[in-house]
């Protein structure tokens, strides 16, 4: 029988979280100690509420709230605003919402699922389908889901002295697009348990206004004409590899104003850059320099 130390389990639980910020993890301790005020019972989801709406003719978004979530929080303990997040805490984990961006992240403080047998039945594809259904029934626009992929989390020999890596969970990740154009910074992913409850999840699917769509249409029109398209590619740095038109927006944990920009994502050397219609590197407010300083 495989034996794994409590220290390894703790480390593995931390690895299950994608970019789990220290402030969110600290809320788990607060949940167990009951240091927050009493919270209401988990309300019923209402798919007619909390869907982010853009300006007219923009790109609709989706806000994943606790009411919509199937995250297995355990016994409710309380809720608070802390470190820029609204955190709902329970004995089994924390559901946190970024106050500015409205991104939602739910993380457990329990043993990894496959070590307890609490895994979704079937293979990764079965969970992919179930996660897509979960989020779209909650209100995420189904016509914006371009694909669903699975990403494994493993225990390595370094973690637990195993001869071979052991897969302990699968993340099912929804990828977003609009009119065939990837919206690369949006995400919705989850790990489901045997009964379809969510063991861990994150959703950031922001709305974008008509101005973003208008700039996207202009970029598409420019790339569709040989003369203007050739001029654009000639304006890029030498040795830029072929890329694709995308929509790039600020990250889920950005606490400033939201920004989104259509741009041409391509690799120069070993650096992925995003170029505007004039061939200049796009730099959003949460980008340090768009990677330009690292370019050869």
C-alpha atoms as a PDB file:
ATOM      1  CA  UNK A   1       0.000   0.000   0.000  1.00  0.00           C
ATOM      2  CA  UNK A   2       1.325   3.445  -0.909  1.00  0.00           C
ATOM      3  CA  UNK A   3       2.090   5.584   2.129  1.00  0.00           C
ATOM      4  CA  UNK A   4       2.462   9.315   1.752  1.00  0.00           C
ATOM      5  CA  UNK A   5       3.459  11.583   4.581  1.00  0.00           C
ATOM      6  CA  UNK A   6       1.229  14.386   5.801  1.00  0.00           C
ATOM      7  CA  UNK A   7       3.931  16.825   4.721  1.00  0.00           C
ATOM      8  CA  UNK A   8       3.738  15.491   1.153  1.00  0.00           C
ATOM      9  CA  UNK A   9      -0.060  15.732   1.139  1.00  0.00           C
ATOM     10  CA  UNK A  10       0.112  19.341   2.298  1.00  0.00           C
ATOM     11  CA  UNK A  11       2.609  20.176  -0.432  1.00  0.00           C
ATOM     12  CA  UNK A  12       0.502  18.414  -3.045  1.00  0.00           C
ATOM     13  CA  UNK A  13      -2.632  20.259  -2.007  1.00  0.00           C
ATOM     14  CA  UNK A  14      -0.787  23.526  -2.494  1.00  0.00           C
ATOM     15  CA  UNK A  15       0.363  22.417  -5.956  1.00  0.00           C
ATOM     16  CA  UNK A  16      -3.217  21.726  -6.993  1.00  0.00           C
ATOM     17  CA  UNK A  17      -3.949  25.448  -6.885  1.00  0.00           C
ATOM     18  CA  UNK A  18      -3.172  27.567  -9.958  1.00  0.00           C
ATOM     19  CA  UNK A  19      -1.395  30.740  -8.837  1.00  0.00           C
ATOM     20  CA  UNK A  20      -2.817  30.409  -5.324  1.00  0.00           C
ATOM     21  CA  UNK A  21      -1.962  33.702  -3.670  1.00  0.00           C
ATOM     22  CA  UNK A  22      -0.797  33.686  -0.062  1.00  0.00           C
ATOM     23  CA  UNK A  23      -3.689  35.833   1.084  1.00  0.00           C
ATOM     24  CA  UNK A  24      -6.228  33.321  -0.209  1.00  0.00           C
ATOM     25  CA  UNK A  25      -4.470  30.352   1.355  1.00  0.00           C
ATOM     26  CA  UNK A  26      -4.287  32.218   4.649  1.00  0.00           C
ATOM     27  CA  UNK A  27      -8.073  32.345   4.636  1.00  0.00           C
ATOM     28  CA  UNK A  28      -8.173  28.569   5.097  1.00  0.00           C
ATOM     29  CA  UNK A  29      -6.703  28.926   8.570  1.00  0.00           C
ATOM     30  CA  UNK A  30      -9.180  31.658   9.362  1.00  0.00           C
ATOM     31  CA  UNK A  31     -11.994  29.404   8.180  1.00  0.00           C
ATOM     32  CA  UNK A  32     -10.995  26.610  10.510  1.00  0.00           C
ATOM     33  CA  UNK A  33     -10.649  28.974  13.468  1.00  0.00           C
ATOM     34  CA  UNK A  34     -13.991  30.628  12.792  1.00  0.00           C
ATOM     35  CA  UNK A  35     -12.622  34.166  12.803  1.00  0.00           C
ATOM     36  CA  UNK A  36     -15.104  35.517  10.274  1.00  0.00           C
ATOM     37  CA  UNK A  37     -18.726  36.435  10.740  1.00  0.00           C
ATOM     38  CA  UNK A  38     -21.463  33.873  10.165  1.00  0.00           C
ATOM     39  CA  UNK A  39     -22.527  33.349   6.532  1.00  0.00           C
ATOM     40  CA  UNK A  40     -25.811  32.396   4.953  1.00  0.00           C
ATOM     41  CA  UNK A  41     -26.413  28.902   3.591  1.00  0.00           C
ATOM     42  CA  UNK A  42     -25.222  28.284   0.049  1.00  0.00           C
ATOM     43  CA  UNK A  43     -27.933  29.942  -2.119  1.00  0.00           C
ATOM     44  CA  UNK A  44     -29.370  28.453  -5.278  1.00  0.00           C
ATOM     45  CA  UNK A  45     -27.765  29.461  -8.560  1.00  0.00           C
ATOM     46  CA  UNK A  46     -29.744  31.766 -10.833  1.00  0.00           C
ATOM     47  CA  UNK A  47     -28.478  31.781 -14.403  1.00  0.00           C
ATOM     48  CA  UNK A  48     -30.263  35.080 -15.093  1.00  0.00           C
ATOM     49  CA  UNK A  49     -28.073  37.027 -12.660  1.00  0.00           C
ATOM     50  CA  UNK A  50     -24.419  37.975 -12.347  1.00  0.00           C
ATOM     51  CA  UNK A  51     -23.566  37.632 -16.054  1.00  0.00           C
ATOM     52  CA  UNK A  52     -21.201  40.446 -16.985  1.00  0.00           C
ATOM     53  CA  UNK A  53     -22.564  42.487 -19.868  1.00  0.00           C
ATOM     54  CA  UNK A  54     -20.452  44.702 -22.133  1.00  0.00           C
ATOM     55  CA  UNK A  55     -21.423  47.780 -24.071  1.00  0.00           C
ATOM     56  CA  UNK A  56     -23.861  47.276 -26.924  1.00  0.00           C
ATOM     57  CA  UNK A  57     -22.458  44.905 -29.579  1.00  0.00           C
ATOM     58  CA  UNK A  58     -19.550  43.951 -27.335  1.00  0.00           C
ATOM     59  CA  UNK A  59     -18.531  40.518 -26.066  1.00  0.00           C
ATOM     60  CA  UNK A  60     -20.642  39.173 -23.174  1.00  0.00           C
ATOM     61  CA  UNK A  61     -18.813  37.849 -20.140  1.00  0.00           C
ATOM     62  CA  UNK A  62     -19.625  35.666 -17.166  1.00  0.00           C
ATOM     63  CA  UNK A  63     -19.143  36.203 -13.429  1.00  0.00           C
ATOM     64  CA  UNK A  64     -18.878  32.960 -11.458  1.00  0.00           C
ATOM     65  CA  UNK A  65     -20.452  33.531  -8.056  1.00  0.00           C
ATOM     66  CA  UNK A  66     -20.745  31.330  -4.999  1.00  0.00           C
ATOM     67  CA  UNK A  67     -24.451  30.959  -5.770  1.00  0.00           C
ATOM     68  CA  UNK A  68     -23.581  29.374  -9.119  1.00  0.00           C
ATOM     69  CA  UNK A  69     -20.739  27.236  -7.849  1.00  0.00           C
ATOM     70  CA  UNK A  70     -20.761  23.544  -6.945  1.00  0.00           C
ATOM     71  CA  UNK A  71     -17.534  23.905  -4.956  1.00  0.00           C
ATOM     72  CA  UNK A  72     -17.460  21.565  -1.961  1.00  0.00           C
ATOM     73  CA  UNK A  73     -16.824  24.091   0.795  1.00  0.00           C
ATOM     74  CA  UNK A  74     -17.667  21.787   3.724  1.00  0.00           C
ATOM     75  CA  UNK A  75     -19.370  23.317   6.744  1.00  0.00           C
ATOM     76  CA  UNK A  76     -19.832  27.047   6.331  1.00  0.00           C
ATOM     77  CA  UNK A  77     -17.783  29.142   8.736  1.00  0.00           C
ATOM     78  CA  UNK A  78     -17.952  32.737   7.555  1.00  0.00           C
ATOM     79  CA  UNK A  79     -17.006  35.409   5.046  1.00  0.00           C
ATOM     80  CA  UNK A  80     -14.881  38.542   4.914  1.00  0.00           C
ATOM     81  CA  UNK A  81     -13.213  41.078   2.647  1.00  0.00           C
ATOM     82  CA  UNK A  82      -9.445  40.803   2.835  1.00  0.00           C
ATOM     83  CA  UNK A  83      -6.435  41.484   0.600  1.00  0.00           C
ATOM     84  CA  UNK A  84      -8.625  42.689  -2.257  1.00  0.00           C
ATOM     85  CA  UNK A  85     -10.840  39.586  -2.204  1.00  0.00           C
ATOM     86  CA  UNK A  86     -14.243  38.598  -0.843  1.00  0.00           C
ATOM     87  CA  UNK A  87     -13.631  35.228   0.805  1.00  0.00           C
ATOM     88  CA  UNK A  88     -16.277  32.692   1.801  1.00  0.00           C
ATOM     89  CA  UNK A  89     -14.668  30.143   4.076  1.00  0.00           C
ATOM     90  CA  UNK A  90     -15.565  26.631   5.133  1.00  0.00           C
ATOM     91  CA  UNK A  91     -14.019  23.642   6.814  1.00  0.00           C
ATOM     92  CA  UNK A  92     -12.922  22.151   3.482  1.00  0.00           C
ATOM     93  CA  UNK A  93     -11.778  25.214   1.559  1.00  0.00           C
ATOM     94  CA  UNK A  94     -12.225  28.829   0.457  1.00  0.00           C
ATOM     95  CA  UNK A  95     -14.241  30.432  -2.350  1.00  0.00           C
ATOM     96  CA  UNK A  96     -12.665  33.813  -3.119  1.00  0.00           C
ATOM     97  CA  UNK A  97     -13.723  36.550  -5.520  1.00  0.00           C
ATOM     98  CA  UNK A  98     -11.374  39.316  -6.640  1.00  0.00           C
ATOM     99  CA  UNK A  99     -13.226  42.502  -5.722  1.00  0.00           C
ATOM    100  CA  UNK A 100     -11.979  44.433  -8.773  1.00  0.00           C
ATOM    101  CA  UNK A 101     -11.846  41.838 -11.564  1.00  0.00           C
ATOM    102  CA  UNK A 102     -14.614  39.555 -10.193  1.00  0.00           C
ATOM    103  CA  UNK A 103     -12.452  36.505 -10.955  1.00  0.00           C
ATOM    104  CA  UNK A 104     -13.392  33.540  -8.765  1.00  0.00           C
ATOM    105  CA  UNK A 105     -10.980  30.979  -7.324  1.00  0.00           C
ATOM    106  CA  UNK A 106     -11.956  28.088  -5.064  1.00  0.00           C
ATOM    107  CA  UNK A 107      -9.293  25.937  -3.425  1.00  0.00           C
ATOM    108  CA  UNK A 108      -9.512  23.022  -0.981  1.00  0.00           C
ATOM    109  CA  UNK A 109      -7.498  22.339   2.134  1.00  0.00           C
ATOM    110  CA  UNK A 110      -8.065  18.593   1.921  1.00  0.00           C
ATOM    111  CA  UNK A 111      -6.192  15.538   0.638  1.00  0.00           C
ATOM    112  CA  UNK A 112      -5.730  15.299  -3.173  1.00  0.00           C
ATOM    113  CA  UNK A 113      -8.767  13.561  -4.746  1.00  0.00           C
ATOM    114  CA  UNK A 114      -7.229  10.365  -6.082  1.00  0.00           C
ATOM    115  CA  UNK A 115      -5.712   9.588  -2.666  1.00  0.00           C
ATOM    116  CA  UNK A 116      -9.219   9.435  -1.198  1.00  0.00           C
ATOM    117  CA  UNK A 117     -11.021   7.924  -4.192  1.00  0.00           C
ATOM    118  CA  UNK A 118     -13.064  11.114  -4.716  1.00  0.00           C
ATOM    119  CA  UNK A 119     -12.512  11.259  -8.484  1.00  0.00           C
ATOM    120  CA  UNK A 120     -14.954  11.895 -11.309  1.00  0.00           C
ATOM    121  CA  UNK A 121     -15.958   8.596 -12.995  1.00  0.00           C
ATOM    122  CA  UNK A 122     -14.611   7.906 -16.468  1.00  0.00           C
ATOM    123  CA  UNK A 123     -11.608   9.356 -18.222  1.00  0.00           C
ATOM    124  CA  UNK A 124     -10.400  12.931 -18.662  1.00  0.00           C
ATOM    125  CA  UNK A 125     -12.733  13.420 -21.653  1.00  0.00           C
ATOM    126  CA  UNK A 126     -15.736  12.562 -19.475  1.00  0.00           C
ATOM    127  CA  UNK A 127     -14.728  15.219 -16.964  1.00  0.00           C
ATOM    128  CA  UNK A 128     -14.049  17.719 -19.780  1.00  0.00           C
ATOM    129  CA  UNK A 129     -17.642  17.312 -20.978  1.00  0.00           C
ATOM    130  CA  UNK A 130     -19.014  17.554 -17.443  1.00  0.00           C
ATOM    131  CA  UNK A 131     -17.038  20.712 -16.630  1.00  0.00           C
ATOM    132  CA  UNK A 132     -18.189  22.407 -19.834  1.00  0.00           C
ATOM    133  CA  UNK A 133     -21.791  21.504 -19.008  1.00  0.00           C
ATOM    134  CA  UNK A 134     -21.361  22.745 -15.424  1.00  0.00           C
ATOM    135  CA  UNK A 135     -20.141  26.186 -16.420  1.00  0.00           C
ATOM    136  CA  UNK A 136     -22.396  26.739 -19.442  1.00  0.00           C
ATOM    137  CA  UNK A 137     -25.506  25.738 -17.476  1.00  0.00           C
ATOM    138  CA  UNK A 138     -24.425  28.256 -14.834  1.00  0.00           C
ATOM    139  CA  UNK A 139     -24.444  31.002 -17.456  1.00  0.00           C
ATOM    140  CA  UNK A 140     -21.063  31.016 -19.212  1.00  0.00           C
ATOM    141  CA  UNK A 141     -21.743  31.645 -22.948  1.00  0.00           C
ATOM    142  CA  UNK A 142     -21.444  28.255 -24.651  1.00  0.00           C
ATOM    143  CA  UNK A 143     -20.737  29.813 -28.060  1.00  0.00           C
ATOM    144  CA  UNK A 144     -17.493  31.261 -26.667  1.00  0.00           C
ATOM    145  CA  UNK A 145     -16.046  27.858 -25.688  1.00  0.00           C
ATOM    146  CA  UNK A 146     -13.646  26.938 -28.467  1.00  0.00           C
ATOM    147  CA  UNK A 147     -12.254  23.772 -26.850  1.00  0.00           C
ATOM    148  CA  UNK A 148     -11.778  21.907 -23.582  1.00  0.00           C
ATOM    149  CA  UNK A 149      -8.474  20.311 -22.621  1.00  0.00           C
ATOM    150  CA  UNK A 150      -7.259  18.289 -19.666  1.00  0.00           C
ATOM    151  CA  UNK A 151      -4.107  19.027 -17.711  1.00  0.00           C
ATOM    152  CA  UNK A 152      -2.781  16.500 -15.237  1.00  0.00           C
ATOM    153  CA  UNK A 153      -1.355  17.067 -11.775  1.00  0.00           C
ATOM    154  CA  UNK A 154       1.057  14.405 -10.595  1.00  0.00           C
ATOM    155  CA  UNK A 155       2.989  13.207  -7.582  1.00  0.00           C
ATOM    156  CA  UNK A 156       6.626  12.891  -8.538  1.00  0.00           C
ATOM    157  CA  UNK A 157       9.400  10.799  -7.075  1.00  0.00           C
ATOM    158  CA  UNK A 158      10.685  13.937  -5.343  1.00  0.00           C
ATOM    159  CA  UNK A 159       7.349  14.400  -3.582  1.00  0.00           C
ATOM    160  CA  UNK A 160       6.795  10.913  -2.228  1.00  0.00           C
ATOM    161  CA  UNK A 161       9.640   8.605  -3.206  1.00  0.00           C
ATOM    162  CA  UNK A 162       7.678   6.986  -6.024  1.00  0.00           C
ATOM    163  CA  UNK A 163       9.336   4.953  -8.754  1.00  0.00           C
ATOM    164  CA  UNK A 164       7.046   6.547 -11.375  1.00  0.00           C
ATOM    165  CA  UNK A 165       4.923   9.716 -11.342  1.00  0.00           C
ATOM    166  CA  UNK A 166       1.348   9.197 -10.126  1.00  0.00           C
ATOM    167  CA  UNK A 167      -1.515  11.227 -11.631  1.00  0.00           C
ATOM    168  CA  UNK A 168      -3.677  12.491  -8.774  1.00  0.00           C
ATOM    169  CA  UNK A 169      -6.051  14.865 -10.566  1.00  0.00           C
ATOM    170  CA  UNK A 170      -7.124  16.276 -13.922  1.00  0.00           C
ATOM    171  CA  UNK A 171      -7.937  19.927 -14.512  1.00  0.00           C
ATOM    172  CA  UNK A 172     -10.521  20.387 -17.268  1.00  0.00           C
ATOM    173  CA  UNK A 173      -9.868  23.777 -18.868  1.00  0.00           C
ATOM    174  CA  UNK A 174     -12.301  25.727 -21.069  1.00  0.00           C
ATOM    175  CA  UNK A 175     -10.647  27.867 -23.758  1.00  0.00           C
ATOM    176  CA  UNK A 176     -12.384  31.025 -24.950  1.00  0.00           C
ATOM    177  CA  UNK A 177     -12.771  32.571 -28.380  1.00  0.00           C
ATOM    178  CA  UNK A 178     -14.906  35.148 -30.155  1.00  0.00           C
ATOM    179  CA  UNK A 179     -15.701  34.779 -33.848  1.00  0.00           C
ATOM    180  CA  UNK A 180     -12.837  32.305 -34.172  1.00  0.00           C
ATOM    181  CA  UNK A 181     -10.312  34.555 -32.402  1.00  0.00           C
ATOM    182  CA  UNK A 182      -8.730  33.221 -29.220  1.00  0.00           C
ATOM    183  CA  UNK A 183      -9.244  35.265 -26.040  1.00  0.00           C
ATOM    184  CA  UNK A 184      -6.085  33.950 -24.513  1.00  0.00           C
ATOM    185  CA  UNK A 185      -6.202  35.317 -20.954  1.00  0.00           C
ATOM    186  CA  UNK A 186      -9.726  34.156 -20.090  1.00  0.00           C
ATOM    187  CA  UNK A 187     -10.118  30.842 -18.300  1.00  0.00           C
ATOM    188  CA  UNK A 188     -12.601  28.530 -16.648  1.00  0.00           C
ATOM    189  CA  UNK A 189     -11.371  25.258 -15.163  1.00  0.00           C
ATOM    190  CA  UNK A 190     -12.380  22.766 -12.516  1.00  0.00           C
ATOM    191  CA  UNK A 191     -11.625  19.403 -10.944  1.00  0.00           C
ATOM    192  CA  UNK A 192     -14.774  17.408 -10.213  1.00  0.00           C
ATOM    193  CA  UNK A 193     -15.381  14.762  -7.559  1.00  0.00           C
ATOM    194  CA  UNK A 194     -17.218  11.460  -7.899  1.00  0.00           C
ATOM    195  CA  UNK A 195     -20.646  13.080  -7.452  1.00  0.00           C
ATOM    196  CA  UNK A 196     -19.989  15.975  -9.814  1.00  0.00           C
ATOM    197  CA  UNK A 197     -19.192  18.516  -7.109  1.00  0.00           C
ATOM    198  CA  UNK A 198     -16.276  20.862  -7.730  1.00  0.00           C
ATOM    199  CA  UNK A 199     -13.125  20.135  -5.738  1.00  0.00           C
ATOM    200  CA  UNK A 200     -11.198  23.101  -7.124  1.00  0.00           C
ATOM    201  CA  UNK A 201     -11.970  25.751  -9.733  1.00  0.00           C
ATOM    202  CA  UNK A 202     -11.166  29.137 -11.200  1.00  0.00           C
ATOM    203  CA  UNK A 203     -13.152  31.346 -13.573  1.00  0.00           C
ATOM    204  CA  UNK A 204     -12.233  34.651 -15.207  1.00  0.00           C
ATOM    205  CA  UNK A 205     -14.398  35.422 -18.248  1.00  0.00           C
ATOM    206  CA  UNK A 206     -14.666  39.218 -18.483  1.00  0.00           C
ATOM    207  CA  UNK A 207     -16.996  41.189 -20.710  1.00  0.00           C
ATOM    208  CA  UNK A 208     -15.499  43.407 -23.400  1.00  0.00           C
ATOM    209  CA  UNK A 209     -17.024  46.477 -24.998  1.00  0.00           C
ATOM    210  CA  UNK A 210     -17.876  47.363 -28.561  1.00  0.00           C
ATOM    211  CA  UNK A 211     -14.597  49.269 -28.875  1.00  0.00           C
ATOM    212  CA  UNK A 212     -12.660  45.998 -28.605  1.00  0.00           C
ATOM    213  CA  UNK A 213     -14.868  44.386 -31.245  1.00  0.00           C
ATOM    214  CA  UNK A 214     -14.431  47.376 -33.560  1.00  0.00           C
ATOM    215  CA  UNK A 215     -10.634  47.202 -33.279  1.00  0.00           C
ATOM    216  CA  UNK A 216     -10.796  43.447 -33.870  1.00  0.00           C
ATOM    217  CA  UNK A 217     -12.836  43.964 -37.060  1.00  0.00           C
ATOM    218  CA  UNK A 218     -10.316  46.536 -38.302  1.00  0.00           C
ATOM    219  CA  UNK A 219      -7.441  44.134 -37.639  1.00  0.00           C
ATOM    220  CA  UNK A 220      -9.252  41.286 -39.427  1.00  0.00           C
ATOM    221  CA  UNK A 221      -9.978  43.506 -42.422  1.00  0.00           C
ATOM    222  CA  UNK A 222      -6.334  44.577 -42.619  1.00  0.00           C
ATOM    223  CA  UNK A 223      -5.103  40.974 -42.543  1.00  0.00           C
ATOM    224  CA  UNK A 224      -7.639  39.918 -45.194  1.00  0.00           C
ATOM    225  CA  UNK A 225      -6.219  42.219 -47.878  1.00  0.00           C
ATOM    226  CA  UNK A 226      -2.904  41.161 -49.510  1.00  0.00           C
ATOM    227  CA  UNK A 227      -1.505  44.696 -49.782  1.00  0.00           C
ATOM    228  CA  UNK A 228      -2.191  45.756 -46.183  1.00  0.00           C
ATOM    229  CA  UNK A 229      -1.390  42.304 -44.822  1.00  0.00           C
ATOM    230  CA  UNK A 230       2.003  42.240 -46.539  1.00  0.00           C
ATOM    231  CA  UNK A 231       2.765  45.727 -45.230  1.00  0.00           C
ATOM    232  CA  UNK A 232       1.903  44.624 -41.687  1.00  0.00           C
ATOM    233  CA  UNK A 233       4.140  41.552 -41.770  1.00  0.00           C
ATOM    234  CA  UNK A 234       6.937  43.623 -43.263  1.00  0.00           C
ATOM    235  CA  UNK A 235       6.682  45.951 -40.249  1.00  0.00           C
ATOM    236  CA  UNK A 236       7.381  43.143 -37.773  1.00  0.00           C
ATOM    237  CA  UNK A 237      10.926  42.438 -36.562  1.00  0.00           C
ATOM    238  CA  UNK A 238      12.988  40.121 -38.729  1.00  0.00           C
ATOM    239  CA  UNK A 239      12.710  36.407 -37.894  1.00  0.00           C
ATOM    240  CA  UNK A 240       9.262  36.766 -36.312  1.00  0.00           C
ATOM    241  CA  UNK A 241       7.539  33.402 -36.635  1.00  0.00           C
ATOM    242  CA  UNK A 242       4.035  33.055 -38.043  1.00  0.00           C
ATOM    243  CA  UNK A 243       1.404  33.634 -35.388  1.00  0.00           C
ATOM    244  CA  UNK A 244      -2.311  34.324 -34.966  1.00  0.00           C
ATOM    245  CA  UNK A 245      -4.710  37.144 -34.214  1.00  0.00           C
ATOM    246  CA  UNK A 246      -5.856  37.045 -30.566  1.00  0.00           C
ATOM    247  CA  UNK A 247      -7.535  39.213 -27.954  1.00  0.00           C
ATOM    248  CA  UNK A 248      -5.183  39.934 -25.052  1.00  0.00           C
ATOM    249  CA  UNK A 249      -6.610  41.290 -21.785  1.00  0.00           C
ATOM    250  CA  UNK A 250      -5.463  42.049 -18.261  1.00  0.00           C
ATOM    251  CA  UNK A 251      -5.014  39.141 -15.860  1.00  0.00           C
ATOM    252  CA  UNK A 252      -7.508  37.820 -13.330  1.00  0.00           C
ATOM    253  CA  UNK A 253      -5.517  39.159 -10.367  1.00  0.00           C
ATOM    254  CA  UNK A 254      -4.980  42.655 -11.820  1.00  0.00           C
ATOM    255  CA  UNK A 255      -6.438  45.231  -9.410  1.00  0.00           C
ATOM    256  CA  UNK A 256      -6.384  48.158 -11.841  1.00  0.00           C
ATOM    257  CA  UNK A 257      -8.651  49.145 -14.700  1.00  0.00           C
ATOM    258  CA  UNK A 258      -9.563  46.388 -17.145  1.00  0.00           C
ATOM    259  CA  UNK A 259      -7.994  46.594 -20.609  1.00  0.00           C
ATOM    260  CA  UNK A 260      -8.254  44.408 -23.712  1.00  0.00           C
ATOM    261  CA  UNK A 261      -6.587  44.690 -27.099  1.00  0.00           C
ATOM    262  CA  UNK A 262      -6.694  42.647 -30.317  1.00  0.00           C
ATOM    263  CA  UNK A 263      -3.131  41.863 -31.370  1.00  0.00           C
ATOM    264  CA  UNK A 264      -1.056  39.478 -33.455  1.00  0.00           C
ATOM    265  CA  UNK A 265       0.563  36.905 -31.152  1.00  0.00           C
ATOM    266  CA  UNK A 266       3.861  35.603 -32.531  1.00  0.00           C
ATOM    267  CA  UNK A 267       7.205  34.299 -31.311  1.00  0.00           C
ATOM    268  CA  UNK A 268      10.435  36.203 -31.819  1.00  0.00           C
ATOM    269  CA  UNK A 269      13.415  34.141 -30.756  1.00  0.00           C
ATOM    270  CA  UNK A 270      12.090  32.457 -27.603  1.00  0.00           C
ATOM    271  CA  UNK A 271       9.728  35.279 -26.598  1.00  0.00           C
ATOM    272  CA  UNK A 272       5.986  35.396 -27.329  1.00  0.00           C
ATOM    273  CA  UNK A 273       5.017  38.948 -28.236  1.00  0.00           C
ATOM    274  CA  UNK A 274       1.742  40.573 -29.259  1.00  0.00           C
ATOM    275  CA  UNK A 275       1.819  43.232 -32.004  1.00  0.00           C
ATOM    276  CA  UNK A 276      -0.747  45.925 -32.765  1.00  0.00           C
ATOM    277  CA  UNK A 277      -1.804  46.943 -36.287  1.00  0.00           C
ATOM    278  CA  UNK A 278       1.238  49.186 -36.640  1.00  0.00           C
ATOM    279  CA  UNK A 279       3.690  46.400 -35.757  1.00  0.00           C
ATOM    280  CA  UNK A 280       4.452  47.702 -32.269  1.00  0.00           C
ATOM    281  CA  UNK A 281       4.422  45.471 -29.185  1.00  0.00           C
ATOM    282  CA  UNK A 282       1.189  45.766 -27.192  1.00  0.00           C
ATOM    283  CA  UNK A 283       1.714  46.547 -23.511  1.00  0.00           C
ATOM    284  CA  UNK A 284      -1.304  46.325 -21.217  1.00  0.00           C
ATOM    285  CA  UNK A 285      -1.326  47.961 -17.759  1.00  0.00           C
ATOM    286  CA  UNK A 286      -0.349  44.715 -16.024  1.00  0.00           C
ATOM    287  CA  UNK A 287       2.430  43.932 -18.540  1.00  0.00           C
ATOM    288  CA  UNK A 288       5.874  45.111 -17.524  1.00  0.00           C
ATOM    289  CA  UNK A 289       7.103  45.600 -21.083  1.00  0.00           C
ATOM    290  CA  UNK A 290       5.247  43.107 -23.270  1.00  0.00           C
ATOM    291  CA  UNK A 291       8.408  41.010 -23.347  1.00  0.00           C
ATOM    292  CA  UNK A 292      10.112  43.543 -25.582  1.00  0.00           C
ATOM    293  CA  UNK A 293      13.247  43.815 -23.457  1.00  0.00           C
ATOM    294  CA  UNK A 294      13.785  40.083 -23.796  1.00  0.00           C
ATOM    295  CA  UNK A 295      13.517  40.074 -27.552  1.00  0.00           C
ATOM    296  CA  UNK A 296      16.731  39.448 -29.509  1.00  0.00           C
END
